[in-house]
Amino acid sequence: MESPGDQLRKRLAKIFGNRGLTLIELMIVLAIIAILIAIAVPNIVDYISDANRTACITNQSNLEVEIARYKSTHPGARIGPAGARLSDPNAHPNAQELMANSANPENIRRMLTCPEAGEDGSAPGYHYAYSNDQGHIECAMDNAGLVRAEEADFNHDRFNVAEE
């Protein structure tokens, strides 16, 4: 008794004949696939970068909400100083204080990392800095920001977004 695979091969051989793909046909198929990939990959990379930029801007806004919450539970607490990173122990509130003040410190820990920079082994809050002493936050990974890391190469400025 013939296996189902053998039966299928015989039927296909009757329809298409016994020949396979020629080298030219195979090269044409591969060229078409390569062209489709060349068109799709840059768009996918742009979509991922846009999503990370949006998430970073959302993190900045959410951190400002957490700082406002900290100010409400610690009246008279000083904020900043301007230019200090949230990972800096001299910044108030710093990353550790924000996490200690939160009901969900793990959520705050996620907010303290720029999604585009990713987990790079830096201390929580290294990616974000105070832009003034009112509690406004900016991404230190933003190459257009006031406070930036040496490795800053993204544009996450919420107020002066450059058109690409």
N, C-alpha and C. Protein backbone atom coordinates (compact mmCIF):
# COMPACT_ATOMS: atom_id res chain seq x y z
N MET A 1 0.84 -1.18 0.00
CA MET A 1 0.00 0.00 0.00
C MET A 1 0.89 1.24 0.00
N GLU A 2 0.49 2.21 -0.81
CA GLU A 2 1.27 3.44 -0.94
C GLU A 2 0.94 4.39 0.21
N SER A 3 1.96 5.13 0.62
CA SER A 3 1.73 6.13 1.67
C SER A 3 1.02 7.34 1.06
N PRO A 4 0.37 8.15 1.90
CA PRO A 4 -0.31 9.35 1.39
C PRO A 4 0.66 10.29 0.68
N GLY A 5 1.92 10.34 1.14
CA GLY A 5 2.92 11.20 0.50
C GLY A 5 3.22 10.74 -0.92
N ASP A 6 3.32 9.42 -1.10
CA ASP A 6 3.58 8.87 -2.43
C ASP A 6 2.40 9.14 -3.37
N GLN A 7 1.20 9.02 -2.84
CA GLN A 7 0.01 9.28 -3.65
C GLN A 7 -0.02 10.75 -4.10
N LEU A 8 0.31 11.64 -3.18
CA LEU A 8 0.32 13.07 -3.50
C LEU A 8 1.37 13.37 -4.56
N ARG A 9 2.55 12.76 -4.42
CA ARG A 9 3.61 12.98 -5.39
C ARG A 9 3.17 12.52 -6.79
N LYS A 10 2.49 11.39 -6.86
CA LYS A 10 2.04 10.88 -8.15
C LYS A 10 1.00 11.81 -8.78
N ARG A 11 0.09 12.31 -7.95
CA ARG A 11 -0.93 13.23 -8.48
C ARG A 11 -0.29 14.51 -8.99
N LEU A 12 0.65 15.05 -8.21
CA LEU A 12 1.32 16.27 -8.64
C LEU A 12 2.15 16.03 -9.89
N ALA A 13 2.75 14.85 -10.02
CA ALA A 13 3.54 14.53 -11.20
C ALA A 13 2.65 14.48 -12.44
N LYS A 14 1.41 13.97 -12.28
CA LYS A 14 0.48 13.94 -13.41
C LYS A 14 0.09 15.35 -13.83
N ILE A 15 -0.10 16.22 -12.84
CA ILE A 15 -0.53 17.59 -13.14
C ILE A 15 0.62 18.40 -13.71
N PHE A 16 1.77 18.40 -13.04
CA PHE A 16 2.88 19.28 -13.41
C PHE A 16 3.99 18.59 -14.18
N GLY A 17 3.93 17.32 -14.28
CA GLY A 17 5.03 16.60 -14.90
C GLY A 17 6.07 16.26 -13.84
N ASN A 18 7.14 15.60 -14.24
CA ASN A 18 8.16 15.17 -13.28
C ASN A 18 9.28 16.19 -13.07
N ARG A 19 9.19 17.34 -13.69
CA ARG A 19 10.29 18.28 -13.56
C ARG A 19 10.13 19.11 -12.28
N GLY A 20 11.23 19.56 -11.74
CA GLY A 20 11.23 20.45 -10.57
C GLY A 20 11.45 21.88 -11.02
N LEU A 21 11.79 22.73 -10.07
CA LEU A 21 12.08 24.12 -10.41
C LEU A 21 13.46 24.22 -11.05
N THR A 22 13.56 25.03 -12.07
CA THR A 22 14.88 25.27 -12.66
C THR A 22 15.60 26.28 -11.79
N LEU A 23 16.88 26.40 -12.00
CA LEU A 23 17.69 27.35 -11.23
C LEU A 23 17.20 28.78 -11.45
N ILE A 24 16.83 29.11 -12.66
CA ILE A 24 16.33 30.46 -12.97
C ILE A 24 15.04 30.74 -12.20
N GLU A 25 14.12 29.79 -12.21
CA GLU A 25 12.85 29.97 -11.48
C GLU A 25 13.11 30.14 -9.99
N LEU A 26 14.01 29.36 -9.45
CA LEU A 26 14.35 29.47 -8.03
C LEU A 26 14.96 30.83 -7.72
N MET A 27 15.85 31.32 -8.59
CA MET A 27 16.48 32.62 -8.37
C MET A 27 15.45 33.74 -8.44
N ILE A 28 14.48 33.63 -9.34
CA ILE A 28 13.43 34.65 -9.45
C ILE A 28 12.59 34.68 -8.18
N VAL A 29 12.22 33.52 -7.67
CA VAL A 29 11.44 33.45 -6.43
C VAL A 29 12.23 34.07 -5.28
N LEU A 30 13.51 33.74 -5.16
CA LEU A 30 14.34 34.31 -4.10
C LEU A 30 14.49 35.82 -4.25
N ALA A 31 14.61 36.31 -5.48
CA ALA A 31 14.73 37.75 -5.71
C ALA A 31 13.45 38.47 -5.28
N ILE A 32 12.30 37.89 -5.59
CA ILE A 32 11.02 38.50 -5.19
C ILE A 32 10.91 38.53 -3.67
N ILE A 33 11.29 37.45 -3.02
CA ILE A 33 11.25 37.41 -1.55
C ILE A 33 12.20 38.46 -0.97
N ALA A 34 13.40 38.60 -1.54
CA ALA A 34 14.37 39.59 -1.05
C ALA A 34 13.83 41.01 -1.21
N ILE A 35 13.17 41.29 -2.33
CA ILE A 35 12.59 42.62 -2.55
C ILE A 35 11.50 42.90 -1.53
N LEU A 36 10.65 41.93 -1.27
CA LEU A 36 9.59 42.12 -0.27
C LEU A 36 10.17 42.37 1.11
N ILE A 37 11.21 41.65 1.46
CA ILE A 37 11.86 41.86 2.77
C ILE A 37 12.50 43.25 2.82
N ALA A 38 13.15 43.66 1.74
CA ALA A 38 13.79 44.98 1.71
C ALA A 38 12.78 46.11 1.86
N ILE A 39 11.57 45.89 1.39
CA ILE A 39 10.52 46.90 1.54
C ILE A 39 9.95 46.88 2.95
N ALA A 40 9.76 45.71 3.51
CA ALA A 40 9.06 45.58 4.80
C ALA A 40 9.93 45.92 6.01
N VAL A 41 11.19 45.50 6.03
CA VAL A 41 12.02 45.64 7.24
C VAL A 41 12.19 47.09 7.69
N PRO A 42 12.51 48.05 6.82
CA PRO A 42 12.65 49.42 7.31
C PRO A 42 11.36 49.97 7.93
N ASN A 43 10.23 49.60 7.38
CA ASN A 43 8.96 50.06 7.95
C ASN A 43 8.74 49.46 9.33
N ILE A 44 9.06 48.20 9.49
CA ILE A 44 8.89 47.54 10.78
C ILE A 44 9.81 48.19 11.82
N VAL A 45 11.05 48.48 11.44
CA VAL A 45 11.99 49.13 12.35
C VAL A 45 11.47 50.50 12.76
N ASP A 46 10.92 51.26 11.79
CA ASP A 46 10.36 52.58 12.11
C ASP A 46 9.18 52.47 13.06
N TYR A 47 8.32 51.48 12.85
CA TYR A 47 7.17 51.30 13.74
C TYR A 47 7.61 50.97 15.15
N ILE A 48 8.62 50.14 15.28
CA ILE A 48 9.13 49.78 16.61
C ILE A 48 9.73 51.01 17.28
N SER A 49 10.51 51.79 16.54
CA SER A 49 11.12 53.00 17.10
C SER A 49 10.05 54.01 17.52
N ASP A 50 9.01 54.18 16.69
CA ASP A 50 7.91 55.09 17.05
C ASP A 50 7.20 54.62 18.30
N ALA A 51 6.98 53.32 18.42
CA ALA A 51 6.32 52.79 19.62
C ALA A 51 7.17 53.01 20.86
N ASN A 52 8.48 52.80 20.74
CA ASN A 52 9.38 53.04 21.88
C ASN A 52 9.42 54.51 22.26
N ARG A 53 9.43 55.39 21.26
CA ARG A 53 9.44 56.84 21.52
C ARG A 53 8.16 57.23 22.26
N THR A 54 7.03 56.72 21.82
CA THR A 54 5.76 57.01 22.48
C THR A 54 5.75 56.48 23.91
N ALA A 55 6.28 55.28 24.10
CA ALA A 55 6.34 54.72 25.46
C ALA A 55 7.24 55.55 26.35
N CYS A 56 8.36 56.05 25.82
CA CYS A 56 9.27 56.89 26.61
C CYS A 56 8.58 58.19 27.01
N ILE A 57 7.88 58.81 26.09
CA ILE A 57 7.17 60.05 26.39
C ILE A 57 6.09 59.79 27.43
N THR A 58 5.41 58.66 27.33
CA THR A 58 4.41 58.29 28.34
C THR A 58 5.07 58.07 29.69
N ASN A 59 6.24 57.43 29.70
CA ASN A 59 6.98 57.25 30.96
C ASN A 59 7.30 58.60 31.60
N GLN A 60 7.72 59.57 30.79
CA GLN A 60 8.04 60.89 31.33
C GLN A 60 6.82 61.51 32.00
N SER A 61 5.68 61.43 31.33
CA SER A 61 4.44 61.99 31.91
C SER A 61 4.04 61.24 33.17
N ASN A 62 4.14 59.93 33.14
CA ASN A 62 3.76 59.13 34.32
C ASN A 62 4.71 59.39 35.49
N LEU A 63 5.99 59.59 35.21
CA LEU A 63 6.94 59.91 36.29
C LEU A 63 6.61 61.26 36.90
N GLU A 64 6.17 62.21 36.07
CA GLU A 64 5.77 63.51 36.61
C GLU A 64 4.55 63.37 37.52
N VAL A 65 3.63 62.48 37.17
CA VAL A 65 2.48 62.21 38.04
C VAL A 65 2.96 61.61 39.36
N GLU A 66 3.91 60.68 39.29
CA GLU A 66 4.44 60.08 40.52
C GLU A 66 5.17 61.12 41.38
N ILE A 67 5.86 62.05 40.75
CA ILE A 67 6.54 63.12 41.50
C ILE A 67 5.51 64.03 42.15
N ALA A 68 4.41 64.33 41.44
CA ALA A 68 3.34 65.14 42.04
C ALA A 68 2.73 64.40 43.22
N ARG A 69 2.57 63.09 43.10
CA ARG A 69 2.05 62.29 44.21
C ARG A 69 3.03 62.35 45.39
N TYR A 70 4.31 62.27 45.10
CA TYR A 70 5.33 62.36 46.15
C TYR A 70 5.25 63.72 46.85
N LYS A 71 5.11 64.80 46.04
CA LYS A 71 5.01 66.15 46.63
C LYS A 71 3.79 66.27 47.53
N SER A 72 2.69 65.61 47.15
CA SER A 72 1.47 65.71 47.97
C SER A 72 1.60 64.94 49.28
N THR A 73 2.38 63.86 49.28
CA THR A 73 2.55 63.09 50.52
C THR A 73 3.74 63.58 51.35
N HIS A 74 4.57 64.42 50.76
CA HIS A 74 5.73 65.00 51.46
C HIS A 74 5.71 66.51 51.28
N PRO A 75 4.78 67.22 51.93
CA PRO A 75 4.70 68.67 51.76
C PRO A 75 6.02 69.33 52.15
N GLY A 76 6.43 70.30 51.37
CA GLY A 76 7.66 71.02 51.65
C GLY A 76 8.91 70.35 51.15
N ALA A 77 8.79 69.15 50.58
CA ALA A 77 9.97 68.45 50.06
C ALA A 77 10.50 69.19 48.85
N ARG A 78 11.82 69.31 48.78
CA ARG A 78 12.40 69.98 47.61
C ARG A 78 12.42 69.01 46.44
N ILE A 79 12.32 69.56 45.24
CA ILE A 79 12.27 68.76 44.02
C ILE A 79 13.50 69.11 43.19
N GLY A 80 14.07 68.11 42.58
CA GLY A 80 15.21 68.37 41.70
C GLY A 80 16.51 67.94 42.32
N PRO A 81 17.55 68.62 42.05
CA PRO A 81 17.73 69.86 41.30
C PRO A 81 17.68 69.62 39.79
N ALA A 82 17.53 70.73 39.05
CA ALA A 82 17.49 70.64 37.60
C ALA A 82 18.79 70.00 37.11
N GLY A 83 18.67 69.09 36.18
CA GLY A 83 19.83 68.41 35.62
C GLY A 83 20.19 67.11 36.32
N ALA A 84 19.62 66.87 37.49
CA ALA A 84 19.93 65.64 38.22
C ALA A 84 19.15 64.47 37.64
N ARG A 85 19.82 63.35 37.51
CA ARG A 85 19.13 62.14 37.06
C ARG A 85 18.37 61.54 38.23
N LEU A 86 17.33 60.80 37.91
CA LEU A 86 16.55 60.16 38.98
C LEU A 86 17.35 59.08 39.68
N SER A 87 18.43 58.61 39.08
CA SER A 87 19.27 57.61 39.74
C SER A 87 20.23 58.26 40.74
N ASP A 88 20.36 59.57 40.70
CA ASP A 88 21.27 60.30 41.58
C ASP A 88 20.71 60.35 43.00
N PRO A 89 21.46 59.89 44.01
CA PRO A 89 20.94 59.94 45.38
C PRO A 89 20.70 61.36 45.88
N ASN A 90 21.32 62.37 45.24
CA ASN A 90 21.11 63.76 45.64
C ASN A 90 19.86 64.37 45.01
N ALA A 91 19.23 63.67 44.09
CA ALA A 91 17.98 64.15 43.48
C ALA A 91 16.83 63.79 44.42
N HIS A 92 15.85 64.67 44.47
CA HIS A 92 14.68 64.39 45.33
C HIS A 92 13.40 64.74 44.59
N PRO A 93 12.47 63.82 44.50
CA PRO A 93 12.63 62.42 44.86
C PRO A 93 13.45 61.70 43.82
N ASN A 94 14.29 60.80 44.28
CA ASN A 94 15.07 59.99 43.34
C ASN A 94 14.30 58.68 43.09
N ALA A 95 14.88 57.82 42.29
CA ALA A 95 14.20 56.58 41.89
C ALA A 95 13.82 55.75 43.11
N GLN A 96 14.74 55.62 44.06
CA GLN A 96 14.45 54.80 45.25
C GLN A 96 13.30 55.39 46.06
N GLU A 97 13.27 56.72 46.20
CA GLU A 97 12.19 57.37 46.95
C GLU A 97 10.85 57.21 46.23
N LEU A 98 10.86 57.31 44.90
CA LEU A 98 9.62 57.14 44.15
C LEU A 98 9.09 55.71 44.30
N MET A 99 9.99 54.73 44.24
CA MET A 99 9.55 53.34 44.39
C MET A 99 9.05 53.08 45.81
N ALA A 100 9.71 53.66 46.80
CA ALA A 100 9.29 53.47 48.19
C ALA A 100 7.94 54.13 48.47
N ASN A 101 7.64 55.22 47.74
CA ASN A 101 6.40 55.97 47.95
C ASN A 101 5.23 55.36 47.18
N SER A 102 5.50 54.39 46.32
CA SER A 102 4.47 53.84 45.44
C SER A 102 3.87 52.56 46.00
N ALA A 103 2.59 52.36 45.69
CA ALA A 103 1.93 51.10 46.05
C ALA A 103 2.39 49.98 45.12
N ASN A 104 2.91 50.34 43.95
CA ASN A 104 3.37 49.35 42.98
C ASN A 104 4.79 49.71 42.52
N PRO A 105 5.80 49.42 43.34
CA PRO A 105 7.17 49.81 42.99
C PRO A 105 7.69 49.17 41.70
N GLU A 106 7.21 47.98 41.37
CA GLU A 106 7.68 47.33 40.14
C GLU A 106 7.23 48.11 38.91
N ASN A 107 6.03 48.68 38.97
CA ASN A 107 5.54 49.52 37.88
C ASN A 107 6.42 50.76 37.74
N ILE A 108 6.80 51.36 38.86
CA ILE A 108 7.68 52.52 38.83
C ILE A 108 9.04 52.12 38.25
N ARG A 109 9.55 50.98 38.64
CA ARG A 109 10.85 50.51 38.13
C ARG A 109 10.80 50.40 36.60
N ARG A 110 9.71 49.90 36.04
CA ARG A 110 9.58 49.81 34.58
C ARG A 110 9.55 51.20 33.95
N MET A 111 8.89 52.15 34.62
CA MET A 111 8.81 53.51 34.10
C MET A 111 10.17 54.20 34.09
N LEU A 112 11.08 53.77 34.93
CA LEU A 112 12.38 54.43 35.08
C LEU A 112 13.39 54.02 34.01
N THR A 113 12.97 53.18 33.07
CA THR A 113 13.85 52.74 31.99
C THR A 113 13.29 53.20 30.65
N CYS A 114 14.10 53.91 29.89
CA CYS A 114 13.68 54.33 28.55
C CYS A 114 13.54 53.07 27.68
N PRO A 115 12.37 52.84 27.09
CA PRO A 115 12.17 51.62 26.30
C PRO A 115 13.11 51.51 25.10
N GLU A 116 13.48 52.64 24.53
CA GLU A 116 14.35 52.58 23.35
C GLU A 116 15.79 52.26 23.76
N ALA A 117 16.22 52.76 24.90
CA ALA A 117 17.57 52.44 25.38
C ALA A 117 17.61 51.01 25.91
N GLY A 118 16.49 50.55 26.47
CA GLY A 118 16.38 49.18 26.95
C GLY A 118 17.12 48.95 28.25
N GLU A 119 17.10 47.72 28.69
CA GLU A 119 17.80 47.34 29.92
C GLU A 119 19.29 47.30 29.60
N ASP A 120 20.00 48.30 30.05
CA ASP A 120 21.43 48.38 29.75
C ASP A 120 22.30 48.21 30.99
N GLY A 121 21.69 47.75 32.07
CA GLY A 121 22.45 47.53 33.29
C GLY A 121 22.64 48.78 34.14
N SER A 122 22.08 49.90 33.69
CA SER A 122 22.23 51.13 34.46
C SER A 122 21.25 51.13 35.63
N ALA A 123 21.52 51.99 36.60
CA ALA A 123 20.67 52.07 37.80
C ALA A 123 19.28 52.57 37.42
N PRO A 124 18.24 52.15 38.16
CA PRO A 124 16.90 52.67 37.88
C PRO A 124 16.89 54.19 37.94
N GLY A 125 16.33 54.81 36.92
CA GLY A 125 16.25 56.27 36.87
C GLY A 125 17.37 56.93 36.11
N TYR A 126 18.38 56.16 35.68
CA TYR A 126 19.51 56.74 34.95
C TYR A 126 19.05 57.39 33.65
N HIS A 127 18.02 56.84 33.03
CA HIS A 127 17.56 57.33 31.73
C HIS A 127 16.75 58.62 31.81
N TYR A 128 16.35 59.03 33.00
CA TYR A 128 15.50 60.22 33.13
C TYR A 128 16.12 61.22 34.08
N ALA A 129 15.90 62.52 33.78
CA ALA A 129 16.49 63.59 34.59
C ALA A 129 15.48 64.71 34.78
N TYR A 130 15.68 65.49 35.84
CA TYR A 130 14.85 66.68 36.07
C TYR A 130 15.29 67.77 35.10
N SER A 131 14.33 68.37 34.39
CA SER A 131 14.67 69.49 33.50
C SER A 131 14.55 70.81 34.24
N ASN A 132 13.88 70.81 35.40
CA ASN A 132 13.79 72.01 36.24
C ASN A 132 13.49 71.57 37.67
N ASP A 133 13.29 72.53 38.56
CA ASP A 133 13.02 72.17 39.95
C ASP A 133 11.53 72.14 40.26
N GLN A 134 10.71 72.05 39.22
CA GLN A 134 9.26 71.93 39.39
C GLN A 134 8.78 70.49 39.26
N GLY A 135 9.68 69.60 38.93
CA GLY A 135 9.32 68.19 38.80
C GLY A 135 9.13 67.74 37.37
N HIS A 136 9.51 68.57 36.40
CA HIS A 136 9.41 68.16 34.99
C HIS A 136 10.56 67.21 34.67
N ILE A 137 10.23 66.16 33.93
CA ILE A 137 11.18 65.09 33.62
C ILE A 137 11.45 65.07 32.12
N GLU A 138 12.68 64.79 31.76
CA GLU A 138 13.01 64.55 30.35
C GLU A 138 13.87 63.30 30.26
N CYS A 139 13.90 62.74 29.07
CA CYS A 139 14.69 61.53 28.83
C CYS A 139 16.14 61.94 28.61
N ALA A 140 17.03 61.40 29.42
CA ALA A 140 18.46 61.70 29.27
C ALA A 140 19.05 60.98 28.06
N MET A 141 18.30 60.08 27.47
CA MET A 141 18.74 59.39 26.25
C MET A 141 18.37 60.21 25.01
N ASP A 142 17.67 61.35 25.22
CA ASP A 142 17.22 62.21 24.13
C ASP A 142 18.37 63.10 23.69
N ASN A 143 18.78 63.00 22.44
CA ASN A 143 19.92 63.79 21.98
C ASN A 143 19.59 65.26 21.80
N ALA A 144 18.32 65.65 21.92
CA ALA A 144 17.95 67.05 21.81
C ALA A 144 17.61 67.66 23.17
N GLY A 145 17.73 66.87 24.23
CA GLY A 145 17.33 67.34 25.55
C GLY A 145 18.38 68.21 26.22
N LEU A 146 18.00 68.80 27.34
CA LEU A 146 18.91 69.64 28.11
C LEU A 146 19.93 68.80 28.86
N VAL A 147 19.48 67.67 29.41
CA VAL A 147 20.36 66.76 30.15
C VAL A 147 20.45 65.50 29.32
N ARG A 148 21.65 65.15 28.91
CA ARG A 148 21.75 63.95 28.10
C ARG A 148 22.99 63.13 28.44
N ALA A 149 22.81 61.85 28.28
CA ALA A 149 23.92 60.92 28.48
C ALA A 149 24.86 61.00 27.28
N GLU A 150 26.08 60.59 27.48
CA GLU A 150 27.05 60.58 26.38
C GLU A 150 26.55 59.72 25.23
N GLU A 151 25.80 58.66 25.57
CA GLU A 151 25.33 57.73 24.54
C GLU A 151 23.95 58.10 23.99
N ALA A 152 23.47 59.31 24.29
CA ALA A 152 22.14 59.73 23.84
C ALA A 152 22.08 59.79 22.32
N ASP A 153 21.12 59.09 21.75
CA ASP A 153 20.96 59.16 20.30
C ASP A 153 19.51 58.99 19.86
N PHE A 154 18.58 59.33 20.72
CA PHE A 154 17.17 59.25 20.38
C PHE A 154 16.55 60.64 20.49
N ASN A 155 15.35 60.81 19.98
CA ASN A 155 14.64 62.08 20.13
C ASN A 155 13.32 61.80 20.83
N HIS A 156 13.29 62.06 22.13
CA HIS A 156 12.10 61.80 22.94
C HIS A 156 11.60 63.08 23.60
N ASP A 157 11.94 64.22 23.04
CA ASP A 157 11.53 65.50 23.61
C ASP A 157 10.03 65.67 23.40
N ARG A 158 9.29 65.83 24.50
CA ARG A 158 7.84 65.95 24.41
C ARG A 158 7.39 67.29 23.86
N PHE A 159 8.22 68.30 23.99
CA PHE A 159 7.77 69.65 23.67
C PHE A 159 8.35 70.19 22.37
N ASN A 160 9.46 69.66 21.93
CA ASN A 160 10.11 70.12 20.70
C ASN A 160 10.40 68.94 19.80
N VAL A 161 9.38 68.19 19.46
CA VAL A 161 9.57 66.98 18.65
C VAL A 161 9.97 67.39 17.24
N ALA A 162 11.12 66.89 16.81
CA ALA A 162 11.61 67.19 15.47
C ALA A 162 10.89 66.32 14.46
N GLU A 163 10.50 66.92 13.36
CA GLU A 163 9.87 66.15 12.28
C GLU A 163 10.95 65.43 11.50
N GLU A 164 10.70 64.19 11.19
CA GLU A 164 11.69 63.39 10.45
C GLU A 164 11.34 63.37 8.99
